[in-house]
Amino acid sequence: MNELLMNTVDWSRAQFALTACYHWLFVPLTLGLGLVIGVLETIYYRTRDEKWLATTKFWMTLFGVNFAIGVATGIILEFEFGTNWSNYSWFVGDIFGAPLAIEGILAFFMESTFIAVMFFGWKKVSPAFHLASTWLTALGAAISALWILVANAWMQYPTGVTFNPETMRNEMTSFWQVALSPMAIAKVFHTVTSCWALGGAFVVGVCGWMLLKGRNREHCMRSLKVGAWVGLVGIVLTSISGDTSAVVVAQKQPMKLAAMEGLYKGEQGQAIVAFGILNPAKEVGSDEEPYLFDISIPHGLAFLATHRFNAFVPGIEDIIAGKSQDEQGYSISTISYAQRIEHGKAARNALAQYNAALKNGDSASLQQHRQVIDDNFQYLGYAYLDEPSEAVPNVPLSFYSFHAMVTTGGYLVLFFIVVLLLLYKPKWVPGKEKLAKLGYWLAILTIPLTYLCSMCGWIVAEVGRQPWTIQDLMPNKVAISDLTSGHVQTTFWIFAVVFTALLIADVSIICKQISKKSKTNLDIVETK
């Protein structure tokens, strides 16, 4: 029975991961191109130069194609909370539903309204109103992402709620604690700015292809300057907000941070692994070395986690044993995972007794059981774990995804700086004509590299908090719907086919639009 349950859990997770990954192929490009288009049209509005108008319309077409398909995958993603994760939806629907409702009512309607003006209102509204519509469309997309990210951040760090044992639901006590939690603020800024970096890389890469074909040089020069600046600002802000995210994760999800670094036993002034290969034989409690090879920076992880070079950073085995750090980075003793399991079982048993007393009208014992529930509720999810090691996420996947994200992010900073130097100071690079084709190809390859960086960030965020659907309160095996694995497998493969078809259609249409427009001399057309 347990094997069948875990099979359903694994397939449900795989289906949600499939949907989320495909959806995230479209969302960051929408957010990134939205900012690029807003800047381009602002330049046109200020200069009234028709060349800038044509450049704006070119990128706006690609934005529209990507936006439409992103909406389709996003709707399916939200539906899966009800179809595959109904226990989760029941348990926290009052909290999780609020930001999603705001996203639908405010952001989606804002996008839907002003995107129509953006595409079809060029000759029907004033230039100022059209510019405002473009920016409001981009803002609506960002607001949509904001509320979805707030909902996700709450799953990582549940706050601002209280549990009602009579309804078996969590109820919101403070909307602002949910919306403005440290996890939510860090996640929103880190994610949205990373989308700007991807949008900039996309613009630079497409221009690299056009220049490789020898087409529309002036159009490309205009686009490159805006795209490279948006990309550079985006990746720099992503790096800064990533530092904030690391501090929040160290405080609220120390197990995730330990998995990201493959750290089993921490120490004062913990080093950070700049490059390493994990030892596949290493397990919790074993004497094996965690790395086959590593290059570490002394005190690096201590500073990343606490901004103090001599702080203690707990490893996986430390956290399981109940050894952690306080907000100042000092080593402290907390509750072990074995004790958390006992507290979780106490909360679960008290909850069953509370419901029995409620049915029998035994008001005398209700308060007693309620007190036990309140005292132990924060560890309720641990009652469903068979052993402490079950709370350890996939270390190799977390470790390699984190380091791939950081490495690619560093490359992007250097890439955008070099592009801007070549644009503004071309004489600084001798023999640049000989290197031009190599540079164009590098720009094209940077598009998938930036997607890789973005996707790795989400893998770290989601895989790193496993096995939890809601951190410490609800593991995956409790959150799923009452479905057989066969039903989930069937829909998984249906979605895989449909999403792949949508992706092929999106890429095909975008490539055709780029090829079609690039064959036209935009600089001549724009002056007519």
Protein backbone atom coordinates (compact mmCIF):
# COMPACT_ATOMS: atom_id res chain seq x y z
CA MET A 1 0.00 0.00 0.00
CA ASN A 2 2.78 2.42 0.93
CA GLU A 3 4.59 1.58 -2.32
CA LEU A 4 1.45 2.37 -4.33
CA LEU A 5 1.06 5.65 -2.45
CA MET A 6 4.62 6.74 -3.16
CA ASN A 7 4.19 5.79 -6.81
CA THR A 8 1.22 8.16 -6.99
CA VAL A 9 3.18 10.84 -5.16
CA ASP A 10 6.12 10.51 -7.55
CA TRP A 11 3.92 10.71 -10.64
CA SER A 12 1.95 13.65 -9.23
CA ARG A 13 5.19 15.48 -8.53
CA ALA A 14 6.48 14.61 -12.00
CA GLN A 15 3.33 15.94 -13.64
CA PHE A 16 3.44 19.19 -11.69
CA ALA A 17 7.16 19.58 -12.43
CA LEU A 18 6.49 18.96 -16.13
CA THR A 19 3.78 21.62 -16.23
CA ALA A 20 5.82 24.12 -14.20
CA CYS A 21 8.95 23.65 -16.33
CA TYR A 22 7.07 24.17 -19.59
CA HIS A 23 5.22 27.16 -18.15
CA TRP A 24 8.49 28.71 -17.02
CA LEU A 25 9.83 28.57 -20.56
CA PHE A 26 7.31 31.29 -21.46
CA VAL A 27 6.90 33.40 -18.31
CA PRO A 28 10.42 34.86 -17.94
CA LEU A 29 10.54 35.85 -21.60
CA THR A 30 7.19 37.62 -21.21
CA LEU A 31 8.42 39.57 -18.19
CA GLY A 32 11.79 40.35 -19.77
CA LEU A 33 10.48 41.40 -23.18
CA GLY A 34 7.76 43.46 -21.50
CA LEU A 35 10.42 45.69 -19.96
CA VAL A 36 12.44 45.85 -23.20
CA ILE A 37 9.37 46.88 -25.21
CA GLY A 38 8.45 49.51 -22.63
CA VAL A 39 11.91 51.06 -22.88
CA LEU A 40 11.92 50.94 -26.69
CA GLU A 41 8.52 52.61 -27.02
CA THR A 42 9.52 55.24 -24.47
CA ILE A 43 12.51 56.11 -26.66
CA TYR A 44 10.20 56.31 -29.69
CA TYR A 45 7.74 58.52 -27.78
CA ARG A 46 10.54 60.93 -26.80
CA THR A 47 12.30 61.02 -30.20
CA ARG A 48 9.36 60.34 -32.57
CA ASP A 49 11.90 58.50 -34.73
CA GLU A 50 10.04 55.94 -36.88
CA LYS A 51 13.01 53.59 -36.74
CA TRP A 52 12.47 53.13 -33.01
CA LEU A 53 8.77 52.48 -33.68
CA ALA A 54 9.58 49.66 -36.11
CA THR A 55 12.04 48.15 -33.63
CA THR A 56 9.38 48.31 -30.91
CA LYS A 57 6.81 46.57 -33.12
CA PHE A 58 9.30 43.85 -34.05
CA TRP A 59 9.87 42.82 -30.43
CA MET A 60 6.21 43.35 -29.58
CA THR A 61 5.24 40.65 -32.08
CA LEU A 62 7.52 38.12 -30.40
CA PHE A 63 6.16 39.18 -27.01
CA GLY A 64 2.58 38.54 -28.14
CA VAL A 65 3.27 35.01 -29.40
CA ASN A 66 5.04 34.04 -26.19
CA PHE A 67 2.41 35.69 -23.97
CA ALA A 68 -0.49 33.74 -25.47
CA ILE A 69 1.09 30.31 -25.00
CA GLY A 70 2.30 31.21 -21.49
CA VAL A 71 -1.27 31.95 -20.42
CA ALA A 72 -2.44 28.53 -21.62
CA THR A 73 0.16 26.59 -19.63
CA GLY A 74 -0.38 28.77 -16.55
CA ILE A 75 -4.09 27.99 -16.37
CA ILE A 76 -3.40 24.25 -16.45
CA LEU A 77 -0.80 24.65 -13.69
CA GLU A 78 -3.32 26.29 -11.35
CA PHE A 79 -5.97 23.64 -12.11
CA GLU A 80 -3.56 20.91 -10.99
CA PHE A 81 -3.77 22.12 -7.40
CA GLY A 82 -7.39 20.97 -7.38
CA THR A 83 -7.01 17.81 -9.46
CA ASN A 84 -3.76 16.34 -8.13
CA TRP A 85 -3.25 18.10 -4.80
CA SER A 86 -6.75 18.38 -3.37
CA ASN A 87 -5.72 17.64 0.24
CA TYR A 88 -3.26 20.51 0.03
CA SER A 89 -5.92 22.79 -1.48
CA TRP A 90 -8.34 21.94 1.31
CA PHE A 91 -5.75 22.35 4.07
CA VAL A 92 -4.54 25.82 3.00
CA GLY A 93 -7.09 26.98 0.43
CA ASP A 94 -8.01 30.04 2.51
CA ILE A 95 -4.42 31.27 2.37
CA PHE A 96 -3.14 29.97 -0.95
CA GLY A 97 -6.30 31.02 -2.77
CA ALA A 98 -6.06 34.68 -1.73
CA PRO A 99 -2.95 35.66 -3.74
CA LEU A 100 -4.11 33.57 -6.71
CA ALA A 101 -7.48 35.33 -6.63
CA ILE A 102 -5.79 38.74 -6.56
CA GLU A 103 -3.57 37.64 -9.43
CA GLY A 104 -6.60 36.64 -11.48
CA ILE A 105 -8.77 39.67 -10.67
CA LEU A 106 -6.11 42.40 -10.82
CA ALA A 107 -3.16 41.29 -12.90
CA PHE A 108 -4.82 39.07 -15.49
CA PHE A 109 -7.56 41.59 -16.28
CA MET A 110 -4.98 44.39 -16.46
CA GLU A 111 -2.90 42.38 -18.93
CA SER A 112 -5.93 41.32 -20.98
CA THR A 113 -7.25 44.87 -21.26
CA PHE A 114 -4.12 46.78 -22.09
CA ILE A 115 -2.49 44.17 -24.32
CA ALA A 116 -5.35 44.71 -26.77
CA VAL A 117 -4.60 48.43 -26.85
CA MET A 118 -0.89 47.68 -27.15
CA PHE A 119 -1.34 45.57 -30.28
CA PHE A 120 -4.34 47.15 -32.00
CA GLY A 121 -4.46 50.71 -30.72
CA TRP A 122 -1.59 52.33 -32.63
CA LYS A 123 -3.88 54.49 -34.77
CA LYS A 124 -6.86 54.50 -32.41
CA VAL A 125 -5.41 56.09 -29.27
CA SER A 126 -2.90 58.85 -28.62
CA PRO A 127 0.84 57.99 -28.46
CA ALA A 128 0.87 58.78 -24.74
CA PHE A 129 -2.06 56.47 -24.01
CA HIS A 130 -0.50 53.72 -26.10
CA LEU A 131 2.78 54.07 -24.24
CA ALA A 132 0.90 53.87 -20.94
CA SER A 133 -0.87 50.72 -22.18
CA THR A 134 2.44 49.10 -23.04
CA TRP A 135 3.86 49.81 -19.60
CA LEU A 136 0.63 48.69 -17.90
CA THR A 137 0.75 45.41 -19.81
CA ALA A 138 4.32 44.85 -18.61
CA LEU A 139 3.31 45.90 -15.10
CA GLY A 140 0.33 43.54 -15.18
CA ALA A 141 2.61 40.63 -16.09
CA ALA A 142 4.93 41.55 -13.21
CA ILE A 143 2.00 41.84 -10.76
CA SER A 144 0.76 38.44 -11.92
CA ALA A 145 4.17 36.96 -11.16
CA LEU A 146 4.28 38.79 -7.82
CA TRP A 147 1.16 37.16 -6.39
CA ILE A 148 2.04 33.70 -7.65
CA LEU A 149 5.47 34.07 -6.08
CA VAL A 150 3.89 35.22 -2.82
CA ALA A 151 1.82 32.04 -2.80
CA ASN A 152 4.90 29.93 -3.48
CA ALA A 153 6.90 31.75 -0.80
CA TRP A 154 4.21 30.95 1.75
CA MET A 155 4.67 27.25 0.98
CA GLN A 156 8.37 27.71 1.73
CA TYR A 157 7.76 29.70 4.92
CA PRO A 158 4.15 29.48 6.23
CA THR A 159 3.30 32.53 8.31
CA GLY A 160 0.34 34.76 9.12
CA VAL A 161 -2.08 31.86 9.69
CA THR A 162 -3.72 29.85 12.44
CA PHE A 163 -5.08 26.30 12.31
CA ASN A 164 -8.76 25.63 12.99
CA PRO A 165 -9.16 22.00 14.18
CA GLU A 166 -12.93 22.14 13.71
CA THR A 167 -12.65 22.68 9.96
CA MET A 168 -9.22 21.06 9.52
CA ARG A 169 -8.11 24.16 7.62
CA ASN A 170 -5.56 26.90 8.07
CA GLU A 171 -7.07 30.38 8.26
CA MET A 172 -5.32 33.63 7.44
CA THR A 173 -4.75 35.92 10.42
CA SER A 174 -2.57 38.53 8.71
CA PHE A 175 -2.63 39.16 4.98
CA TRP A 176 0.42 41.40 5.24
CA GLN A 177 2.48 38.74 7.00
CA VAL A 178 1.75 36.45 4.07
CA ALA A 179 2.39 39.09 1.39
CA LEU A 180 5.43 40.74 2.98
CA SER A 181 7.22 37.84 4.59
CA PRO A 182 11.02 37.88 4.17
CA MET A 183 10.76 34.83 1.93
CA ALA A 184 8.17 36.49 -0.32
CA ILE A 185 10.12 39.73 -0.72
CA ALA A 186 13.36 37.91 -1.53
CA LYS A 187 11.67 35.53 -3.97
CA VAL A 188 9.77 38.24 -5.86
CA PHE A 189 12.79 40.47 -6.44
CA HIS A 190 15.11 37.59 -7.27
CA THR A 191 12.73 35.99 -9.76
CA VAL A 192 11.46 39.10 -11.54
CA THR A 193 14.93 40.60 -12.02
CA SER A 194 16.21 37.26 -13.35
CA CYS A 195 13.47 37.50 -15.99
CA TRP A 196 14.87 40.87 -17.07
CA ALA A 197 18.23 39.19 -17.55
CA LEU A 198 16.63 36.49 -19.71
CA GLY A 199 14.74 39.07 -21.77
CA GLY A 200 17.98 40.95 -22.36
CA ALA A 201 19.82 37.77 -23.34
CA PHE A 202 17.03 36.89 -25.77
CA VAL A 203 17.24 40.27 -27.49
CA VAL A 204 21.04 40.08 -27.73
CA GLY A 205 20.89 36.51 -29.03
CA VAL A 206 18.30 37.27 -31.72
CA CYS A 207 20.33 40.28 -32.83
CA GLY A 208 23.39 38.03 -32.95
CA TRP A 209 21.57 35.76 -35.40
CA MET A 210 20.53 38.71 -37.57
CA LEU A 211 24.07 40.08 -37.63
CA LEU A 212 25.41 36.63 -38.46
CA LYS A 213 23.12 36.71 -41.50
CA GLY A 214 24.24 40.25 -42.30
CA ARG A 215 20.79 41.78 -41.94
CA ASN A 216 19.35 44.94 -40.34
CA ARG A 217 22.50 46.17 -38.68
CA GLU A 218 21.01 49.50 -37.53
CA HIS A 219 17.95 47.77 -36.10
CA CYS A 220 20.23 45.35 -34.26
CA MET A 221 22.39 48.14 -32.86
CA ARG A 222 19.32 49.86 -31.43
CA SER A 223 18.00 46.63 -29.95
CA LEU A 224 21.37 45.51 -28.62
CA LYS A 225 21.90 48.62 -26.54
CA VAL A 226 18.52 48.34 -24.85
CA GLY A 227 18.70 44.56 -24.49
CA ALA A 228 22.21 44.54 -23.06
CA TRP A 229 21.43 47.28 -20.53
CA VAL A 230 18.22 45.53 -19.42
CA GLY A 231 20.12 42.25 -19.17
CA LEU A 232 23.00 43.74 -17.19
CA VAL A 233 20.71 45.57 -14.75
CA GLY A 234 18.64 42.41 -14.40
CA ILE A 235 21.53 40.05 -13.67
CA VAL A 236 23.20 42.48 -11.25
CA LEU A 237 19.95 42.93 -9.31
CA THR A 238 19.42 39.17 -9.44
CA SER A 239 22.83 38.66 -7.84
CA ILE A 240 22.09 41.21 -5.12
CA SER A 241 18.65 39.76 -4.35
CA GLY A 242 20.21 36.28 -4.47
CA ASP A 243 22.42 37.28 -1.57
CA THR A 244 19.31 38.32 0.37
CA SER A 245 17.62 35.04 -0.55
CA ALA A 246 20.57 33.05 0.79
CA VAL A 247 20.30 34.76 4.18
CA VAL A 248 16.55 34.09 4.34
CA VAL A 249 17.02 30.45 3.33
CA ALA A 250 19.74 30.01 5.98
CA GLN A 251 17.31 31.26 8.64
CA LYS A 252 14.04 29.66 7.48
CA GLN A 253 15.17 26.56 5.52
CA PRO A 254 18.61 25.52 6.77
CA MET A 255 18.19 22.00 5.38
CA LYS A 256 17.82 23.46 1.88
CA LEU A 257 21.02 25.48 2.27
CA ALA A 258 22.90 22.41 3.48
CA ALA A 259 21.67 20.40 0.48
CA MET A 260 22.66 23.21 -1.91
CA GLU A 261 26.24 22.91 -0.64
CA GLY A 262 26.33 19.15 -0.06
CA LEU A 263 27.21 20.03 3.54
CA TYR A 264 26.75 17.20 6.05
CA LYS A 265 28.70 18.56 9.01
CA GLY A 266 29.07 22.30 9.45
CA GLU A 267 31.57 24.38 11.37
CA GLN A 268 32.40 27.92 12.43
CA GLY A 269 33.53 30.00 9.45
CA GLN A 270 32.20 27.40 7.02
CA ALA A 271 33.83 27.42 3.57
CA ILE A 272 31.79 27.44 0.36
CA VAL A 273 32.41 25.01 -2.49
CA ALA A 274 33.24 26.96 -5.65
CA PHE A 275 33.54 23.74 -7.66
CA GLY A 276 33.07 20.19 -6.52
CA ILE A 277 32.07 16.64 -7.39
CA LEU A 278 29.89 14.89 -4.83
CA ASN A 279 30.70 11.43 -3.55
CA PRO A 280 27.73 9.26 -4.65
CA ALA A 281 28.44 6.83 -1.79
CA LYS A 282 27.88 9.52 0.85
CA GLU A 283 24.72 9.06 2.93
CA VAL A 284 23.45 10.53 6.17
CA GLY A 285 25.38 8.95 9.04
CA SER A 286 28.07 7.34 6.89
CA ASP A 287 31.80 8.03 7.30
CA GLU A 288 32.32 8.66 3.58
CA GLU A 289 33.75 12.00 2.50
CA PRO A 290 31.05 14.23 0.96
CA TYR A 291 33.16 15.22 -2.08
CA LEU A 292 35.36 13.32 -4.49
CA PHE A 293 36.93 16.64 -5.39
CA ASP A 294 36.29 20.23 -4.38
CA ILE A 295 37.71 23.73 -4.57
CA SER A 296 36.47 25.80 -1.64
CA ILE A 297 36.58 29.44 -0.61
CA PRO A 298 37.36 29.82 3.11
CA HIS A 299 34.54 31.36 5.20
CA GLY A 300 32.46 31.78 2.02
CA LEU A 301 29.30 29.95 3.11
CA ALA A 302 29.38 31.54 6.56
CA PHE A 303 29.38 35.00 4.97
CA LEU A 304 26.75 34.05 2.36
CA ALA A 305 24.38 32.72 5.03
CA THR A 306 24.87 35.32 7.76
CA HIS A 307 27.17 38.09 6.44
CA ARG A 308 29.58 37.10 9.21
CA PHE A 309 32.85 35.34 8.29
CA ASN A 310 33.07 33.27 11.50
CA ALA A 311 29.43 32.21 11.78
CA PHE A 312 28.41 28.58 12.25
CA VAL A 313 26.53 26.98 9.35
CA PRO A 314 24.85 23.65 10.21
CA GLY A 315 25.09 20.68 7.88
CA ILE A 316 22.47 18.03 7.16
CA GLU A 317 23.52 15.78 10.04
CA ASP A 318 23.74 18.77 12.41
CA ILE A 319 20.18 19.82 11.60
CA ILE A 320 18.83 16.29 12.03
CA ALA A 321 20.56 16.10 15.42
CA GLY A 322 19.14 19.48 16.49
CA LYS A 323 22.23 21.65 16.09
CA SER A 324 21.55 24.92 14.31
CA GLN A 325 22.37 28.64 14.37
CA ASP A 326 20.65 31.71 15.75
CA GLU A 327 20.06 34.89 13.73
CA GLN A 328 23.54 36.13 14.63
CA GLY A 329 25.12 32.96 13.27
CA TYR A 330 26.10 31.39 16.59
CA SER A 331 25.77 27.65 17.16
CA ILE A 332 22.73 26.69 19.24
CA SER A 333 20.86 23.52 20.16
CA THR A 334 17.34 23.17 18.83
CA ILE A 335 14.92 20.29 18.59
CA SER A 336 16.12 17.20 16.72
CA TYR A 337 14.20 15.63 13.86
CA ALA A 338 13.43 12.57 15.97
CA GLN A 339 11.83 14.88 18.53
CA ARG A 340 9.98 16.74 15.80
CA ILE A 341 8.46 13.45 14.68
CA GLU A 342 7.28 12.81 18.25
CA HIS A 343 5.81 16.31 18.53
CA GLY A 344 4.11 15.86 15.17
CA LYS A 345 2.53 12.60 16.30
CA ALA A 346 1.36 14.30 19.49
CA ALA A 347 -0.35 16.99 17.40
CA ARG A 348 -1.92 14.39 15.09
CA ASN A 349 -3.21 12.27 17.98
CA ALA A 350 -4.56 15.33 19.80
CA LEU A 351 -6.31 16.37 16.60
CA ALA A 352 -8.04 12.99 16.34
CA GLN A 353 -9.07 13.19 20.00
CA TYR A 354 -10.30 16.75 19.53
CA ASN A 355 -12.55 15.70 16.63
CA ALA A 356 -13.89 12.76 18.65
CA ALA A 357 -14.64 15.04 21.60
CA LEU A 358 -16.31 17.53 19.29
CA LYS A 359 -18.61 14.84 17.87
CA ASN A 360 -19.46 13.57 21.36
CA GLY A 361 -20.06 17.05 22.74
CA ASP A 362 -17.30 16.62 25.32
CA SER A 363 -16.56 20.31 25.86
CA ALA A 364 -14.47 19.59 28.97
CA SER A 365 -11.64 17.92 27.03
CA LEU A 366 -11.78 20.13 23.94
CA GLN A 367 -9.61 22.83 25.46
CA GLN A 368 -7.07 20.28 26.68
CA HIS A 369 -6.69 18.72 23.24
CA ARG A 370 -6.65 22.15 21.59
CA GLN A 371 -3.74 23.18 23.78
CA VAL A 372 -1.76 20.09 22.77
CA ILE A 373 -2.50 20.85 19.10
CA ASP A 374 -1.36 24.47 19.43
CA ASP A 375 1.84 23.50 21.26
CA ASN A 376 2.88 20.95 18.64
CA PHE A 377 1.22 22.08 15.41
CA GLN A 378 4.38 23.57 13.90
CA TYR A 379 5.76 20.01 13.63
CA LEU A 380 2.55 18.35 12.41
CA GLY A 381 4.07 17.33 9.08
CA TYR A 382 6.83 15.33 10.76
CA ALA A 383 4.22 12.88 12.09
CA TYR A 384 3.98 11.44 8.58
CA LEU A 385 7.71 10.80 8.18
CA ASP A 386 8.94 7.27 8.82
CA GLU A 387 12.43 8.38 9.83
CA PRO A 388 14.44 11.63 10.10
CA SER A 389 16.47 10.99 6.93
CA GLU A 390 13.22 11.18 4.95
CA ALA A 391 13.33 14.95 5.50
CA VAL A 392 16.58 15.28 3.55
CA PRO A 393 16.07 16.58 -0.03
CA ASN A 394 17.83 15.26 -3.11
CA VAL A 395 21.35 16.49 -2.36
CA PRO A 396 23.02 15.90 -5.78
CA LEU A 397 20.23 17.62 -7.71
CA SER A 398 20.17 20.57 -5.30
CA PHE A 399 23.97 20.87 -5.23
CA TYR A 400 24.62 20.74 -8.97
CA SER A 401 21.61 22.96 -9.82
CA PHE A 402 22.77 25.61 -7.34
CA HIS A 403 26.30 25.67 -8.65
CA ALA A 404 25.17 25.68 -12.28
CA MET A 405 22.92 28.65 -11.49
CA VAL A 406 25.70 30.61 -9.78
CA THR A 407 28.27 29.82 -12.48
CA THR A 408 25.94 30.77 -15.32
CA GLY A 409 24.90 33.93 -13.48
CA GLY A 410 28.54 34.98 -13.20
CA TYR A 411 29.01 34.34 -16.91
CA LEU A 412 25.98 36.52 -17.72
CA VAL A 413 27.39 39.47 -15.79
CA LEU A 414 30.61 39.24 -17.81
CA PHE A 415 28.71 38.65 -21.06
CA PHE A 416 26.55 41.78 -20.82
CA ILE A 417 29.51 43.93 -19.79
CA VAL A 418 31.48 42.75 -22.83
CA VAL A 419 28.52 43.37 -25.16
CA LEU A 420 28.15 46.94 -23.89
CA LEU A 421 31.88 47.57 -24.21
CA LEU A 422 31.80 46.39 -27.81
CA LEU A 423 28.79 48.62 -28.51
CA TYR A 424 30.14 51.81 -26.95
CA LYS A 425 33.91 51.31 -27.26
CA PRO A 426 34.45 49.06 -30.30
CA LYS A 427 38.03 50.29 -30.80
CA TRP A 428 39.02 48.72 -27.47
CA VAL A 429 38.93 45.28 -29.11
CA PRO A 430 41.61 44.81 -31.79
CA GLY A 431 40.73 42.63 -34.75
CA LYS A 432 37.07 42.55 -33.75
CA GLU A 433 35.99 41.73 -37.31
CA LYS A 434 37.73 38.35 -37.05
CA LEU A 435 35.95 37.61 -33.77
CA ALA A 436 32.55 38.87 -34.88
CA LYS A 437 31.12 35.51 -35.98
CA LEU A 438 32.31 33.84 -32.81
CA GLY A 439 30.66 36.61 -30.81
CA TYR A 440 27.38 36.24 -32.70
CA TRP A 441 27.32 32.51 -32.04
CA LEU A 442 28.12 33.12 -28.39
CA ALA A 443 25.18 35.54 -28.19
CA ILE A 444 22.86 32.91 -29.69
CA LEU A 445 24.08 30.19 -27.30
CA THR A 446 23.59 32.55 -24.35
CA ILE A 447 19.80 32.28 -24.76
CA PRO A 448 19.60 28.59 -23.73
CA LEU A 449 22.29 29.17 -21.10
CA THR A 450 20.15 31.87 -19.49
CA TYR A 451 17.14 29.55 -19.54
CA LEU A 452 19.32 26.92 -17.87
CA CYS A 453 20.28 29.39 -15.17
CA SER A 454 16.64 30.33 -14.55
CA MET A 455 15.45 26.72 -14.49
CA CYS A 456 18.22 25.68 -12.09
CA GLY A 457 17.07 28.39 -9.71
CA TRP A 458 13.60 26.86 -9.58
CA ILE A 459 15.03 23.37 -9.12
CA VAL A 460 16.99 24.63 -6.11
CA ALA A 461 13.89 26.33 -4.68
CA GLU A 462 11.52 23.39 -5.11
CA VAL A 463 13.70 20.30 -4.82
CA GLY A 464 15.60 21.85 -1.92
CA ARG A 465 12.48 21.97 0.28
CA GLN A 466 11.42 18.39 -0.31
CA PRO A 467 9.72 16.32 1.01
CA TRP A 468 7.46 19.23 1.94
CA THR A 469 4.54 20.67 0.04
CA ILE A 470 4.24 23.13 2.95
CA GLN A 471 7.45 23.46 4.92
CA ASP A 472 7.22 21.37 8.14
CA LEU A 473 3.40 21.14 7.97
CA MET A 474 2.48 18.89 5.06
CA PRO A 475 4.67 16.38 3.19
CA ASN A 476 3.89 15.45 -0.40
CA LYS A 477 2.38 12.08 0.45
CA VAL A 478 -0.32 13.77 2.54
CA ALA A 479 -1.04 16.58 0.06
CA ILE A 480 -2.03 14.52 -2.99
CA SER A 481 -5.51 13.66 -4.22
CA ASP A 482 -7.08 10.22 -3.92
CA LEU A 483 -5.95 9.08 -7.37
CA THR A 484 -4.29 5.99 -8.72
CA SER A 485 -0.85 6.31 -10.28
CA GLY A 486 -2.33 5.07 -13.56
CA HIS A 487 -4.62 8.08 -13.81
CA VAL A 488 -1.76 10.46 -13.13
CA GLN A 489 0.53 8.69 -15.60
CA THR A 490 -2.09 9.00 -18.32
CA THR A 491 -2.52 12.74 -17.85
CA PHE A 492 1.26 13.15 -17.51
CA TRP A 493 1.85 11.80 -21.01
CA ILE A 494 -1.09 13.73 -22.44
CA PHE A 495 0.33 16.96 -21.01
CA ALA A 496 3.82 16.03 -22.19
CA VAL A 497 2.57 15.72 -25.77
CA VAL A 498 0.40 18.85 -25.63
CA PHE A 499 3.06 21.02 -23.98
CA THR A 500 5.74 19.82 -26.38
CA ALA A 501 3.47 20.68 -29.28
CA LEU A 502 2.86 24.15 -27.80
CA LEU A 503 6.59 24.67 -27.32
CA ILE A 504 7.34 23.60 -30.89
CA ALA A 505 4.60 25.93 -32.13
CA ASP A 506 5.93 28.82 -30.04
CA VAL A 507 9.53 28.38 -31.16
CA SER A 508 8.46 27.83 -34.77
CA ILE A 509 6.29 30.95 -34.91
CA ILE A 510 8.93 33.09 -33.20
CA CYS A 511 11.65 31.83 -35.57
CA LYS A 512 9.45 32.46 -38.60
CA GLN A 513 8.69 35.98 -37.41
CA ILE A 514 12.38 36.69 -36.83
CA SER A 515 13.31 35.27 -40.23
CA LYS A 516 10.48 37.11 -41.99
CA LYS A 517 11.26 40.48 -40.45
CA SER A 518 15.01 40.09 -40.83
CA LYS A 519 14.66 39.59 -44.59
CA THR A 520 13.11 43.07 -44.79
CA ASN A 521 15.34 46.12 -44.57
CA LEU A 522 13.61 47.68 -41.57
CA ASP A 523 15.66 50.85 -41.81
CA ILE A 524 14.21 51.58 -45.26
CA VAL A 525 10.66 50.57 -44.42
CA GLU A 526 10.70 52.65 -41.25
CA THR A 527 11.43 55.87 -43.12
CA LYS A 528 8.51 55.57 -45.50
